Amino acid sequence: MKLKKKLLALSSAIGLLLVILGLFAFKTDLNSDRGYVVPNDSWENLKVLPQDISKDSLEFLMNNYATSLGVKCNYCPAVIKKDPTKLDFPSDAKIEKEIGREMIKMTNEINAIYFQRHFPDPKPEQVNVFNCVFCHRGTANPEKYLSQMGAMYKTYDPDRDNRKEKFQEEMGK
């Protein structure tokens, strides 16, 4: 009987240890974001985002971009050459930053053209219906699955409801 209790205690301890180790296995690498501190409300080199954006709004946007692309906060900004543990937010040294700016312009344009007109008057200046995650889906380069998009959609079937396509054709004229 004592042997069974000892085996039960030992197996419980091993199980608890495995659970704890399993939880730490999903912990992200904190060193990859070391030095990530959004400076203050005085921004340098903002070319697409408004100069008067608040720190909270900027952090929210950057976190949204990082989540949408499945990257960490050090993906776009370059590191400071003298101190590689910190990020150089104003620097344009990485191409990812310029690509990000163009993507922000594209999503703003899509929202303005296709979604803003459906909002009641007075229309908001900025509409955020469409954003990065729609295409990226948690990957920095969605080219692989986007190249297979044609196979994801059904071919044209005249018996199905195609009012949406007709509406889009009329709007394009």
C-alpha atoms as a PDB file:
ATOM      1  CA  MET A   1       0.000   0.000   0.000  1.00  0.00           C
ATOM      2  CA  LYS A   2       2.860   2.397   0.833  1.00  0.00           C
ATOM      3  CA  LEU A   3       4.459   1.623  -2.519  1.00  0.00           C
ATOM      4  CA  LYS A   4       1.242   2.564  -4.373  1.00  0.00           C
ATOM      5  CA  LYS A   5       1.062   5.904  -2.515  1.00  0.00           C
ATOM      6  CA  LYS A   6       4.710   6.625  -3.319  1.00  0.00           C
ATOM      7  CA  LEU A   7       4.167   5.776  -7.002  1.00  0.00           C
ATOM      8  CA  LEU A   8       1.046   7.939  -7.096  1.00  0.00           C
ATOM      9  CA  ALA A   9       2.910  10.858  -5.476  1.00  0.00           C
ATOM     10  CA  LEU A  10       5.848  10.412  -7.862  1.00  0.00           C
ATOM     11  CA  SER A  11       3.631  10.248 -10.941  1.00  0.00           C
ATOM     12  CA  SER A  12       1.666  13.305  -9.740  1.00  0.00           C
ATOM     13  CA  ALA A  13       4.901  15.256  -9.244  1.00  0.00           C
ATOM     14  CA  ILE A  14       6.142  14.273 -12.702  1.00  0.00           C
ATOM     15  CA  GLY A  15       2.770  15.226 -14.225  1.00  0.00           C
ATOM     16  CA  LEU A  16       2.819  18.627 -12.504  1.00  0.00           C
ATOM     17  CA  LEU A  17       6.389  19.193 -13.698  1.00  0.00           C
ATOM     18  CA  LEU A  18       5.378  18.354 -17.281  1.00  0.00           C
ATOM     19  CA  VAL A  19       2.438  20.766 -17.118  1.00  0.00           C
ATOM     20  CA  ILE A  20       4.681  23.581 -15.859  1.00  0.00           C
ATOM     21  CA  LEU A  21       7.304  22.870 -18.536  1.00  0.00           C
ATOM     22  CA  GLY A  22       4.537  22.761 -21.150  1.00  0.00           C
ATOM     23  CA  LEU A  23       3.324  26.216 -20.144  1.00  0.00           C
ATOM     24  CA  PHE A  24       6.813  27.680 -20.461  1.00  0.00           C
ATOM     25  CA  ALA A  25       7.199  26.101 -23.894  1.00  0.00           C
ATOM     26  CA  PHE A  26       4.654  28.618 -25.241  1.00  0.00           C
ATOM     27  CA  LYS A  27       6.332  31.661 -23.724  1.00  0.00           C
ATOM     28  CA  THR A  28       7.568  34.082 -26.387  1.00  0.00           C
ATOM     29  CA  ASP A  29      11.179  35.149 -26.635  1.00  0.00           C
ATOM     30  CA  LEU A  30      11.239  38.449 -24.792  1.00  0.00           C
ATOM     31  CA  ASN A  31      14.748  39.301 -26.018  1.00  0.00           C
ATOM     32  CA  SER A  32      13.545  39.783 -29.586  1.00  0.00           C
ATOM     33  CA  ASP A  33      11.581  42.884 -28.529  1.00  0.00           C
ATOM     34  CA  ARG A  34      14.167  44.224 -26.106  1.00  0.00           C
ATOM     35  CA  GLY A  35      14.439  47.972 -26.448  1.00  0.00           C
ATOM     36  CA  TYR A  36      10.873  48.376 -27.711  1.00  0.00           C
ATOM     37  CA  VAL A  37       9.675  51.543 -26.093  1.00  0.00           C
ATOM     38  CA  VAL A  38       7.557  53.975 -28.033  1.00  0.00           C
ATOM     39  CA  PRO A  39       9.335  57.238 -27.236  1.00  0.00           C
ATOM     40  CA  ASN A  40       6.787  60.015 -26.608  1.00  0.00           C
ATOM     41  CA  ASP A  41       4.187  62.079 -28.424  1.00  0.00           C
ATOM     42  CA  SER A  42       6.827  63.840 -30.530  1.00  0.00           C
ATOM     43  CA  TRP A  43       7.218  61.626 -33.578  1.00  0.00           C
ATOM     44  CA  GLU A  44       9.962  61.716 -36.160  1.00  0.00           C
ATOM     45  CA  ASN A  45       9.643  60.584 -39.778  1.00  0.00           C
ATOM     46  CA  LEU A  46       5.929  59.742 -39.842  1.00  0.00           C
ATOM     47  CA  LYS A  47       5.067  59.857 -43.535  1.00  0.00           C
ATOM     48  CA  VAL A  48       1.667  58.150 -43.671  1.00  0.00           C
ATOM     49  CA  LEU A  49       0.300  58.293 -40.135  1.00  0.00           C
ATOM     50  CA  PRO A  50      -0.748  61.704 -38.788  1.00  0.00           C
ATOM     51  CA  GLN A  51       1.902  63.708 -36.913  1.00  0.00           C
ATOM     52  CA  ASP A  52      -0.538  64.399 -34.074  1.00  0.00           C
ATOM     53  CA  ILE A  53      -1.316  60.705 -33.417  1.00  0.00           C
ATOM     54  CA  SER A  54      -1.422  59.863 -29.717  1.00  0.00           C
ATOM     55  CA  LYS A  55       0.990  57.386 -28.156  1.00  0.00           C
ATOM     56  CA  ASP A  56      -1.897  55.018 -27.333  1.00  0.00           C
ATOM     57  CA  SER A  57      -3.210  55.130 -30.901  1.00  0.00           C
ATOM     58  CA  LEU A  58       0.248  54.562 -32.369  1.00  0.00           C
ATOM     59  CA  GLU A  59       0.910  51.614 -30.032  1.00  0.00           C
ATOM     60  CA  PHE A  60      -2.517  50.154 -30.885  1.00  0.00           C
ATOM     61  CA  LEU A  61      -1.831  50.423 -34.626  1.00  0.00           C
ATOM     62  CA  MET A  62       1.657  48.956 -34.365  1.00  0.00           C
ATOM     63  CA  ASN A  63       0.406  46.049 -32.229  1.00  0.00           C
ATOM     64  CA  ASN A  64      -2.380  45.459 -34.761  1.00  0.00           C
ATOM     65  CA  TYR A  65       0.128  45.420 -37.632  1.00  0.00           C
ATOM     66  CA  ALA A  66       2.433  43.032 -35.755  1.00  0.00           C
ATOM     67  CA  THR A  67      -0.435  40.678 -34.917  1.00  0.00           C
ATOM     68  CA  SER A  68      -1.859  40.782 -38.444  1.00  0.00           C
ATOM     69  CA  LEU A  69       1.530  39.893 -39.935  1.00  0.00           C
ATOM     70  CA  GLY A  70       2.510  37.428 -37.203  1.00  0.00           C
ATOM     71  CA  VAL A  71       5.700  39.355 -36.446  1.00  0.00           C
ATOM     72  CA  LYS A  72       7.279  41.027 -33.450  1.00  0.00           C
ATOM     73  CA  CYS A  73       7.675  44.755 -32.936  1.00  0.00           C
ATOM     74  CA  ASN A  74      11.220  44.703 -34.304  1.00  0.00           C
ATOM     75  CA  TYR A  75      10.120  43.609 -37.788  1.00  0.00           C
ATOM     76  CA  CYS A  76       9.927  47.049 -39.437  1.00  0.00           C
ATOM     77  CA  PRO A  77      12.201  49.436 -37.545  1.00  0.00           C
ATOM     78  CA  ALA A  78      15.981  49.064 -37.799  1.00  0.00           C
ATOM     79  CA  VAL A  79      18.158  48.610 -34.742  1.00  0.00           C
ATOM     80  CA  ILE A  80      20.365  51.396 -33.435  1.00  0.00           C
ATOM     81  CA  LYS A  81      23.882  50.674 -34.717  1.00  0.00           C
ATOM     82  CA  LYS A  82      25.571  51.765 -31.490  1.00  0.00           C
ATOM     83  CA  ASP A  83      23.154  49.754 -29.337  1.00  0.00           C
ATOM     84  CA  PRO A  84      21.583  46.774 -31.163  1.00  0.00           C
ATOM     85  CA  THR A  85      19.289  46.096 -28.197  1.00  0.00           C
ATOM     86  CA  LYS A  86      17.242  49.206 -29.081  1.00  0.00           C
ATOM     87  CA  LEU A  87      15.142  50.091 -32.099  1.00  0.00           C
ATOM     88  CA  ASP A  88      15.664  53.154 -34.282  1.00  0.00           C
ATOM     89  CA  PHE A  89      12.049  54.078 -35.052  1.00  0.00           C
ATOM     90  CA  PRO A  90      12.754  57.108 -37.310  1.00  0.00           C
ATOM     91  CA  SER A  91      15.218  55.171 -39.497  1.00  0.00           C
ATOM     92  CA  ASP A  92      14.206  54.097 -43.004  1.00  0.00           C
ATOM     93  CA  ALA A  93      17.048  51.540 -43.208  1.00  0.00           C
ATOM     94  CA  LYS A  94      14.749  48.508 -43.580  1.00  0.00           C
ATOM     95  CA  ILE A  95      12.645  47.970 -46.704  1.00  0.00           C
ATOM     96  CA  GLU A  96       9.887  46.477 -44.537  1.00  0.00           C
ATOM     97  CA  LYS A  97       9.101  49.955 -43.236  1.00  0.00           C
ATOM     98  CA  GLU A  98       8.548  51.394 -46.715  1.00  0.00           C
ATOM     99  CA  ILE A  99       6.477  48.370 -47.728  1.00  0.00           C
ATOM    100  CA  GLY A 100       4.421  48.876 -44.563  1.00  0.00           C
ATOM    101  CA  ARG A 101       3.792  52.512 -45.470  1.00  0.00           C
ATOM    102  CA  GLU A 102       2.589  51.528 -48.931  1.00  0.00           C
ATOM    103  CA  MET A 103       0.332  48.856 -47.422  1.00  0.00           C
ATOM    104  CA  ILE A 104      -1.165  51.425 -45.022  1.00  0.00           C
ATOM    105  CA  LYS A 105      -1.878  53.699 -48.018  1.00  0.00           C
ATOM    106  CA  MET A 106      -3.474  50.773 -49.861  1.00  0.00           C
ATOM    107  CA  THR A 107      -5.769  49.817 -46.975  1.00  0.00           C
ATOM    108  CA  ASN A 108      -6.754  53.468 -46.473  1.00  0.00           C
ATOM    109  CA  GLU A 109      -7.567  53.698 -50.186  1.00  0.00           C
ATOM    110  CA  ILE A 110      -9.631  50.475 -50.131  1.00  0.00           C
ATOM    111  CA  ASN A 111     -11.572  51.712 -47.116  1.00  0.00           C
ATOM    112  CA  ALA A 112     -12.182  55.127 -48.668  1.00  0.00           C
ATOM    113  CA  ILE A 113     -13.304  53.760 -52.047  1.00  0.00           C
ATOM    114  CA  TYR A 114     -15.319  50.725 -51.050  1.00  0.00           C
ATOM    115  CA  PHE A 115     -16.526  51.238 -47.478  1.00  0.00           C
ATOM    116  CA  GLN A 116     -16.655  54.907 -46.502  1.00  0.00           C
ATOM    117  CA  ARG A 117     -19.515  55.632 -48.912  1.00  0.00           C
ATOM    118  CA  HIS A 118     -21.720  53.185 -46.983  1.00  0.00           C
ATOM    119  CA  PHE A 119     -21.349  55.119 -43.719  1.00  0.00           C
ATOM    120  CA  PRO A 120     -24.097  57.590 -42.825  1.00  0.00           C
ATOM    121  CA  ASP A 121     -23.483  61.313 -43.000  1.00  0.00           C
ATOM    122  CA  PRO A 122     -21.502  62.948 -41.598  1.00  0.00           C
ATOM    123  CA  LYS A 123     -18.967  60.505 -43.020  1.00  0.00           C
ATOM    124  CA  PRO A 124     -15.943  59.784 -40.819  1.00  0.00           C
ATOM    125  CA  GLU A 125     -12.582  60.949 -42.100  1.00  0.00           C
ATOM    126  CA  GLN A 126     -11.021  57.521 -41.544  1.00  0.00           C
ATOM    127  CA  VAL A 127     -12.829  54.198 -41.996  1.00  0.00           C
ATOM    128  CA  ASN A 128     -11.217  51.007 -40.692  1.00  0.00           C
ATOM    129  CA  VAL A 129     -13.266  48.155 -42.105  1.00  0.00           C
ATOM    130  CA  PHE A 130     -10.557  46.492 -44.186  1.00  0.00           C
ATOM    131  CA  ASN A 131      -7.124  45.964 -42.643  1.00  0.00           C
ATOM    132  CA  CYS A 132      -3.897  43.953 -42.885  1.00  0.00           C
ATOM    133  CA  VAL A 133      -5.187  40.709 -41.407  1.00  0.00           C
ATOM    134  CA  PHE A 134      -7.628  40.178 -44.295  1.00  0.00           C
ATOM    135  CA  CYS A 135      -4.756  39.244 -46.597  1.00  0.00           C
ATOM    136  CA  HIS A 136      -1.856  38.511 -44.280  1.00  0.00           C
ATOM    137  CA  ARG A 137      -3.727  36.234 -41.858  1.00  0.00           C
ATOM    138  CA  GLY A 138      -0.803  36.137 -39.442  1.00  0.00           C
ATOM    139  CA  THR A 139       1.995  35.727 -41.980  1.00  0.00           C
ATOM    140  CA  ALA A 140       4.453  38.377 -43.097  1.00  0.00           C
ATOM    141  CA  ASN A 141       4.409  37.268 -46.729  1.00  0.00           C
ATOM    142  CA  PRO A 142       1.047  35.789 -47.757  1.00  0.00           C
ATOM    143  CA  GLU A 143       2.171  35.159 -51.342  1.00  0.00           C
ATOM    144  CA  LYS A 144       2.074  31.355 -51.036  1.00  0.00           C
ATOM    145  CA  TYR A 145      -1.590  31.003 -50.142  1.00  0.00           C
ATOM    146  CA  LEU A 146      -2.720  34.060 -52.108  1.00  0.00           C
ATOM    147  CA  SER A 147      -1.311  32.533 -55.298  1.00  0.00           C
ATOM    148  CA  GLN A 148      -3.789  29.688 -54.797  1.00  0.00           C
ATOM    149  CA  MET A 149      -6.826  31.920 -54.264  1.00  0.00           C
ATOM    150  CA  GLY A 150      -8.373  30.963 -57.618  1.00  0.00           C
ATOM    151  CA  ALA A 151      -8.751  27.382 -56.454  1.00  0.00           C
ATOM    152  CA  MET A 152     -10.473  28.536 -53.265  1.00  0.00           C
ATOM    153  CA  TYR A 153     -13.434  30.064 -55.085  1.00  0.00           C
ATOM    154  CA  LYS A 154     -16.113  28.269 -57.036  1.00  0.00           C
ATOM    155  CA  THR A 155     -16.283  28.816 -60.753  1.00  0.00           C
ATOM    156  CA  TYR A 156     -19.161  30.817 -62.166  1.00  0.00           C
ATOM    157  CA  ASP A 157     -22.490  29.041 -61.889  1.00  0.00           C
ATOM    158  CA  PRO A 158     -25.403  30.778 -63.696  1.00  0.00           C
ATOM    159  CA  ASP A 159     -27.909  29.093 -61.356  1.00  0.00           C
ATOM    160  CA  ARG A 160     -26.540  30.688 -58.204  1.00  0.00           C
ATOM    161  CA  ASP A 161     -27.352  34.141 -56.882  1.00  0.00           C
ATOM    162  CA  ASN A 162     -24.907  36.516 -58.576  1.00  0.00           C
ATOM    163  CA  ARG A 163     -26.390  39.888 -57.610  1.00  0.00           C
ATOM    164  CA  LYS A 164     -23.131  40.911 -55.943  1.00  0.00           C
ATOM    165  CA  GLU A 165     -21.114  40.400 -59.147  1.00  0.00           C
ATOM    166  CA  LYS A 166     -23.712  42.309 -61.187  1.00  0.00           C
ATOM    167  CA  PHE A 167     -23.601  45.188 -58.695  1.00  0.00           C
ATOM    168  CA  GLN A 168     -19.797  45.293 -58.895  1.00  0.00           C
ATOM    169  CA  GLU A 169     -19.928  45.303 -62.701  1.00  0.00           C
ATOM    170  CA  GLU A 170     -22.379  48.224 -62.669  1.00  0.00           C
ATOM    171  CA  MET A 171     -20.206  50.171 -60.199  1.00  0.00           C
ATOM    172  CA  GLY A 172     -17.138  49.652 -62.410  1.00  0.00           C
ATOM    173  CA  LYS A 173     -18.799  51.252 -65.450  1.00  0.00           C
END
